[in-house]
Amino acid sequence: MIEREFHLKDHDLYLEAFKLAAQIPRGKVSTYGAIARYLGDVSASRAVGQMMSADRERPFPVPCHRVIYSDGRTGWYTGMGRGADQKREMLRSEGVDLSNDRVKDLKDVLFTNFCGDHLLARMAEAQKEVASSVSQLEAATRFDRLAALDVSYRGDEAFGAMVTVDRKGKVLEERTALCTVNFPYVPGYLGFREMRPYTSVMGEPREDTLYLIDGHGTAHPRRAGVACQFGVVHDVAAAGVAKTILTGAMRGDSLILDRREAGRLVHTGDGRPYFTSIGHKASLDSVCRVLASLPVDPMALAHCLATKFRRSAE
């Protein structure tokens, strides 16, 4: 059973990462990878590094200088290219032995005995539940309304936009909404960053509308990208319309994942290419036909509206 509230919650991954880093004792270090692995996915290592250096309030002391690279390099402090010398001096003052820019005998001072929430692991399981609920059989050609959704960011502020067009390309509606997110970009978990902005800007779900989401659907490591989450959680027809590939490999115009077609390269009426995949309640063939037949690019319209909305708040 899909836990709707979990998918729409403002999950604070920064706070969870800070809680783990705060457990590293004086004289010890841990790694970005170790924290990411404890959260549930080592692929979040880069995001952990970004969170450690993020310019945001910590509700308690967080010794970010004790988090280093897995090869022993101490790295930066307070942001890329900054604070390397300061970080090394802080570690030395706590008794950590360094050789140039690396921790000596890392295994002897490495701390991994964390206690906390395996948040990414729980999210991955929730995505698998979504994947099992995706319907791929219905025809997208039955919809006369197509709503394209996009988000533009300024720090943690998400400026959501939705532009609805008919099959002739006429703009029927434009909507914007602003919300704050506390979840950075982590490959494979975009839905937990963007479900709230998309939900805020959507308003009441409509059964007569195909929602085109700036992101992937089934072309995802767990077959449940943001378009699947959006469609299943709100019980609406949706498709993923992405600008780049997240996983898989192209064979002609087909995006192949585990020997099966997970998505397809489609060009809109003005020639823009998108990697399209199933979200929910619409087959891949029918979604691709609809997108290719449109005289306008609704994704580009939504992107422009989101950007304009963000700039208007500067």
Protein backbone atom coordinates (compact mmCIF):
# COMPACT_ATOMS: atom_id res chain seq x y z
CA MET A 1 0.00 0.00 0.00
CA ILE A 2 1.34 3.42 -1.00
CA GLU A 3 2.02 5.65 2.01
CA ARG A 4 0.95 8.94 0.45
CA GLU A 5 2.13 11.10 3.38
CA PHE A 6 5.66 9.70 3.13
CA HIS A 7 5.96 10.76 -0.51
CA LEU A 8 4.64 14.26 0.16
CA LYS A 9 6.53 14.94 3.39
CA ASP A 10 9.22 17.63 3.57
CA HIS A 11 12.04 15.20 4.36
CA ASP A 12 15.06 17.03 5.82
CA LEU A 13 18.06 15.08 4.54
CA TYR A 14 20.37 17.85 5.73
CA LEU A 15 19.25 17.28 9.31
CA GLU A 16 19.71 13.51 9.05
CA ALA A 17 23.23 13.94 7.67
CA PHE A 18 24.07 16.50 10.38
CA LYS A 19 22.85 14.09 13.06
CA LEU A 20 25.26 11.45 11.80
CA ALA A 21 28.23 13.81 11.48
CA ALA A 22 27.61 15.07 15.02
CA GLN A 23 28.32 11.54 16.31
CA ILE A 24 31.94 11.53 15.10
CA PRO A 25 34.07 11.91 18.25
CA ARG A 26 37.11 14.13 18.66
CA GLY A 27 40.22 12.43 17.32
CA LYS A 28 38.21 10.39 14.79
CA VAL A 29 37.05 10.98 11.22
CA SER A 30 34.45 9.50 8.94
CA THR A 31 33.85 9.76 5.20
CA TYR A 32 31.21 11.17 2.89
CA GLY A 33 30.69 7.64 1.60
CA ALA A 34 30.25 6.18 5.08
CA ILE A 35 27.50 8.66 5.91
CA ALA A 36 25.83 8.10 2.54
CA ARG A 37 26.04 4.34 3.01
CA TYR A 38 24.43 4.58 6.44
CA LEU A 39 21.63 6.73 5.03
CA GLY A 40 21.05 3.92 2.56
CA ASP A 41 22.83 4.67 -0.72
CA VAL A 42 26.54 5.28 -1.28
CA SER A 43 25.69 7.11 -4.51
CA ALA A 44 24.66 10.01 -2.26
CA SER A 45 28.31 10.63 -1.29
CA ARG A 46 28.58 13.78 -3.38
CA ALA A 47 25.34 15.09 -1.88
CA VAL A 48 26.70 14.44 1.62
CA GLY A 49 29.74 16.56 0.78
CA GLN A 50 27.50 19.36 -0.43
CA MET A 51 25.35 19.16 2.70
CA MET A 52 28.39 19.31 4.98
CA SER A 53 29.45 22.57 3.34
CA ALA A 54 25.96 24.04 2.92
CA ASP A 55 25.39 27.56 4.17
CA ARG A 56 22.46 26.79 6.42
CA GLU A 57 21.68 26.84 10.10
CA ARG A 58 22.62 23.82 12.21
CA PRO A 59 20.36 23.16 15.22
CA PHE A 60 23.35 21.70 17.10
CA PRO A 61 27.16 21.64 16.71
CA VAL A 62 28.18 19.66 13.63
CA PRO A 63 31.93 18.88 13.28
CA CYS A 64 31.88 18.84 9.47
CA HIS A 65 35.68 19.05 9.43
CA ARG A 66 35.76 15.43 10.62
CA VAL A 67 34.15 14.20 7.39
CA ILE A 68 36.70 13.42 4.67
CA TYR A 69 37.15 11.46 1.44
CA SER A 70 37.32 7.66 1.52
CA ASP A 71 40.93 7.71 0.27
CA GLY A 72 42.04 9.74 3.29
CA ARG A 73 42.17 13.15 1.63
CA THR A 74 40.85 15.78 4.00
CA GLY A 75 39.28 17.90 1.28
CA TRP A 76 37.74 21.34 1.67
CA TYR A 77 35.93 23.09 4.48
CA THR A 78 32.96 25.46 4.12
CA GLY A 79 32.70 24.89 0.38
CA MET A 80 34.49 23.79 -2.76
CA GLY A 81 37.98 25.23 -3.03
CA ARG A 82 37.88 26.83 0.41
CA GLY A 83 39.19 26.13 3.88
CA ALA A 84 41.51 23.18 3.15
CA ASP A 85 44.29 24.48 5.41
CA GLN A 86 41.83 25.36 8.15
CA LYS A 87 40.32 21.88 8.03
CA ARG A 88 43.72 20.21 8.34
CA GLU A 89 44.67 22.40 11.28
CA MET A 90 41.41 21.58 13.05
CA LEU A 91 42.02 17.86 12.62
CA ARG A 92 45.61 18.12 13.82
CA SER A 93 44.49 20.03 16.90
CA GLU A 94 42.21 17.10 17.72
CA GLY A 95 45.04 14.57 17.47
CA VAL A 96 44.44 13.25 13.95
CA ASP A 97 47.78 12.42 12.30
CA LEU A 98 48.13 13.84 8.78
CA SER A 99 50.64 13.47 6.00
CA ASN A 100 50.32 16.43 3.66
CA ASP A 101 46.59 16.45 2.80
CA ARG A 102 45.74 12.91 3.91
CA VAL A 103 44.89 11.18 7.16
CA LYS A 104 47.54 8.62 8.07
CA ASP A 105 46.40 5.12 9.02
CA LEU A 106 42.79 5.98 8.20
CA LYS A 107 41.45 2.61 9.35
CA ASP A 108 42.69 3.32 12.88
CA VAL A 109 40.74 6.57 13.25
CA LEU A 110 37.75 5.82 11.03
CA PHE A 111 34.36 6.11 12.74
CA THR A 112 31.38 4.30 11.21
CA ASN A 113 29.37 3.26 14.27
CA PHE A 114 26.47 5.59 13.48
CA CYS A 115 22.98 5.50 14.92
CA GLY A 116 20.12 7.15 13.09
CA ASP A 117 17.58 6.99 10.27
CA HIS A 118 18.35 4.99 7.12
CA LEU A 119 16.23 7.52 5.24
CA LEU A 120 17.42 6.80 1.69
CA ALA A 121 16.94 3.07 2.22
CA ARG A 122 13.35 3.71 3.29
CA MET A 123 12.83 5.92 0.26
CA ALA A 124 14.18 3.25 -2.08
CA GLU A 125 11.70 0.74 -0.65
CA ALA A 126 8.88 3.26 -1.09
CA GLN A 127 9.90 3.69 -4.72
CA LYS A 128 9.75 -0.06 -5.28
CA GLU A 129 6.20 -0.04 -3.95
CA VAL A 130 5.35 2.74 -6.41
CA ALA A 131 6.89 0.75 -9.28
CA SER A 132 4.63 -2.20 -8.52
CA SER A 133 1.57 0.07 -8.78
CA VAL A 134 2.37 1.74 -12.12
CA SER A 135 -0.19 1.17 -14.89
CA GLN A 136 1.23 1.20 -18.42
CA LEU A 137 -1.72 0.18 -20.56
CA GLU A 138 -3.98 3.20 -21.06
CA ALA A 139 -3.79 5.52 -24.06
CA ALA A 140 -2.45 9.06 -23.69
CA THR A 141 -4.28 10.01 -26.88
CA ARG A 142 -7.54 10.20 -24.92
CA PHE A 143 -6.43 13.42 -23.21
CA ASP A 144 -7.18 16.85 -24.65
CA ARG A 145 -5.37 18.61 -21.78
CA LEU A 146 -1.63 18.27 -21.22
CA ALA A 147 -0.04 19.92 -18.18
CA ALA A 148 3.74 20.37 -18.18
CA LEU A 149 5.44 20.85 -14.78
CA ASP A 150 8.89 22.23 -14.03
CA VAL A 151 10.78 23.66 -11.04
CA SER A 152 13.44 26.36 -10.80
CA TYR A 153 15.56 26.68 -7.67
CA ARG A 154 17.20 29.39 -5.65
CA GLY A 155 18.94 27.63 -2.81
CA ASP A 156 16.28 25.66 -0.98
CA GLU A 157 13.41 27.65 -2.49
CA ALA A 158 11.51 25.77 -5.20
CA PHE A 159 9.65 27.86 -7.77
CA GLY A 160 7.15 25.48 -9.36
CA ALA A 161 5.34 26.14 -12.62
CA MET A 162 2.64 24.37 -14.61
CA VAL A 163 1.49 25.23 -18.11
CA THR A 164 -1.55 23.42 -19.52
CA VAL A 165 -2.15 23.25 -23.26
CA ASP A 166 -4.66 21.54 -25.51
CA ARG A 167 -3.73 19.22 -28.37
CA LYS A 168 -3.60 22.21 -30.75
CA GLY A 169 -1.02 23.95 -28.57
CA LYS A 170 -3.32 26.60 -27.11
CA VAL A 171 -2.35 27.60 -23.57
CA LEU A 172 -5.30 26.91 -21.29
CA GLU A 173 -3.80 27.67 -17.88
CA GLU A 174 -0.63 28.85 -16.16
CA ARG A 175 0.05 28.27 -12.47
CA THR A 176 2.98 28.96 -10.12
CA ALA A 177 3.69 28.05 -6.51
CA LEU A 178 6.59 28.54 -4.11
CA CYS A 179 7.72 26.16 -1.38
CA THR A 180 10.88 25.34 0.55
CA VAL A 181 12.60 21.97 0.21
CA ASN A 182 15.11 20.45 2.61
CA PHE A 183 16.24 17.65 0.33
CA PRO A 184 19.20 18.22 -2.03
CA TYR A 185 19.50 16.56 -5.41
CA VAL A 186 20.49 12.91 -5.00
CA PRO A 187 20.56 10.77 -8.17
CA GLY A 188 17.61 8.39 -8.13
CA TYR A 189 15.68 10.30 -5.43
CA LEU A 190 14.51 13.37 -7.35
CA GLY A 191 10.90 12.61 -6.48
CA PHE A 192 11.51 13.27 -2.81
CA ARG A 193 12.90 16.69 -3.72
CA GLU A 194 10.23 17.70 -6.23
CA MET A 195 6.98 15.98 -5.24
CA ARG A 196 6.05 18.86 -2.92
CA PRO A 197 6.72 21.64 -5.46
CA TYR A 198 4.83 19.74 -8.16
CA THR A 199 1.93 18.97 -5.84
CA SER A 200 1.73 22.59 -4.71
CA VAL A 201 1.53 23.94 -8.23
CA MET A 202 -0.84 21.27 -9.54
CA GLY A 203 -3.84 22.26 -7.42
CA GLU A 204 -6.66 19.71 -7.51
CA PRO A 205 -5.73 16.60 -9.55
CA ARG A 206 -7.70 16.24 -12.77
CA GLU A 207 -8.69 12.99 -14.44
CA ASP A 208 -8.93 14.65 -17.86
CA THR A 209 -5.28 15.76 -17.91
CA LEU A 210 -1.99 14.08 -18.80
CA TYR A 211 0.73 15.49 -16.54
CA LEU A 212 4.16 15.84 -18.17
CA ILE A 213 6.84 15.84 -15.50
CA ASP A 214 10.35 17.25 -15.93
CA GLY A 215 12.11 14.05 -14.88
CA HIS A 216 12.02 10.31 -15.45
CA GLY A 217 9.31 7.75 -14.92
CA THR A 218 10.11 4.06 -15.36
CA ALA A 219 13.53 4.93 -16.86
CA HIS A 220 14.90 4.81 -13.34
CA PRO A 221 17.07 2.37 -11.34
CA ARG A 222 14.02 1.19 -9.37
CA ARG A 223 11.49 1.87 -12.17
CA ALA A 224 9.94 4.64 -10.11
CA GLY A 225 11.17 8.10 -10.99
CA VAL A 226 9.39 11.31 -10.05
CA ALA A 227 6.81 10.91 -12.83
CA CYS A 228 5.79 7.51 -11.44
CA GLN A 229 5.62 8.88 -7.90
CA PHE A 230 3.51 11.81 -9.05
CA GLY A 231 1.13 9.66 -11.05
CA VAL A 232 0.67 6.86 -8.52
CA VAL A 233 0.46 9.06 -5.41
CA HIS A 234 -2.10 11.40 -6.99
CA ASP A 235 -3.75 8.67 -9.10
CA VAL A 236 -3.44 10.66 -12.32
CA ALA A 237 -2.01 10.01 -15.76
CA ALA A 238 1.63 11.09 -15.97
CA ALA A 239 4.73 10.74 -18.11
CA GLY A 240 8.40 11.47 -17.53
CA VAL A 241 9.88 13.96 -19.99
CA ALA A 242 13.58 14.35 -19.19
CA LYS A 243 16.39 16.27 -20.80
CA THR A 244 19.15 13.75 -19.92
CA ILE A 245 19.49 10.03 -19.21
CA LEU A 246 19.65 8.85 -15.60
CA THR A 247 20.32 5.17 -16.27
CA GLY A 248 20.34 2.69 -19.13
CA ALA A 249 21.78 2.98 -22.65
CA MET A 250 20.42 4.14 -25.98
CA ARG A 251 19.82 1.70 -28.81
CA GLY A 252 18.58 3.79 -31.67
CA ASP A 253 15.78 5.91 -30.23
CA SER A 254 15.06 3.40 -27.45
CA LEU A 255 16.41 3.74 -23.92
CA ILE A 256 17.26 0.20 -22.82
CA LEU A 257 17.37 -0.83 -19.17
CA ASP A 258 17.89 -4.47 -18.21
CA ARG A 259 17.32 -5.52 -21.83
CA ARG A 260 13.92 -3.84 -22.00
CA GLU A 261 12.77 -0.53 -23.43
CA ALA A 262 12.34 1.80 -20.48
CA GLY A 263 12.06 5.03 -22.44
CA ARG A 264 12.30 6.61 -25.85
CA LEU A 265 13.85 9.66 -27.47
CA VAL A 266 11.11 11.93 -28.80
CA HIS A 267 11.31 15.28 -30.57
CA THR A 268 8.57 17.82 -29.99
CA GLY A 269 7.07 19.87 -32.78
CA ASP A 270 9.81 22.51 -32.51
CA GLY A 271 12.57 19.87 -32.61
CA ARG A 272 13.56 19.68 -28.93
CA PRO A 273 14.66 16.17 -27.86
CA TYR A 274 13.35 14.55 -24.68
CA PHE A 275 13.83 11.15 -23.08
CA THR A 276 10.27 10.05 -22.46
CA SER A 277 9.16 7.27 -20.13
CA ILE A 278 6.00 5.95 -18.52
CA GLY A 279 4.75 7.66 -15.38
CA HIS A 280 1.30 6.18 -14.76
CA LYS A 281 -1.92 5.40 -16.64
CA ALA A 282 -0.44 6.03 -20.10
CA SER A 283 1.48 3.75 -22.45
CA LEU A 284 4.88 4.71 -23.84
CA ASP A 285 3.78 4.48 -27.47
CA SER A 286 0.79 6.75 -26.93
CA VAL A 287 2.73 9.33 -24.90
CA CYS A 288 5.38 9.54 -27.60
CA ARG A 289 2.74 10.02 -30.30
CA VAL A 290 1.09 12.82 -28.37
CA LEU A 291 4.36 14.65 -27.67
CA ALA A 292 5.52 14.38 -31.29
CA SER A 293 2.18 15.71 -32.56
CA LEU A 294 2.12 18.87 -30.44
CA PRO A 295 2.76 22.13 -32.36
CA VAL A 296 4.31 23.68 -29.23
CA ASP A 297 6.67 22.41 -26.54
CA PRO A 298 4.79 22.58 -23.22
CA MET A 299 7.93 21.57 -21.29
CA ALA A 300 9.77 24.62 -22.62
CA LEU A 301 6.80 26.82 -21.70
CA ALA A 302 6.79 25.46 -18.13
CA HIS A 303 10.55 25.90 -17.86
CA CYS A 304 10.31 29.53 -18.98
CA LEU A 305 7.46 30.21 -16.56
CA ALA A 306 9.37 28.67 -13.63
CA THR A 307 12.47 30.72 -14.47
CA LYS A 308 10.43 33.91 -14.82
CA PHE A 309 8.72 33.21 -11.48
CA ARG A 310 12.07 32.74 -9.75
CA ARG A 311 13.57 35.89 -11.25
CA SER A 312 10.52 37.93 -10.24
CA ALA A 313 11.32 37.10 -6.60
CA GLU A 314 14.96 38.26 -6.79
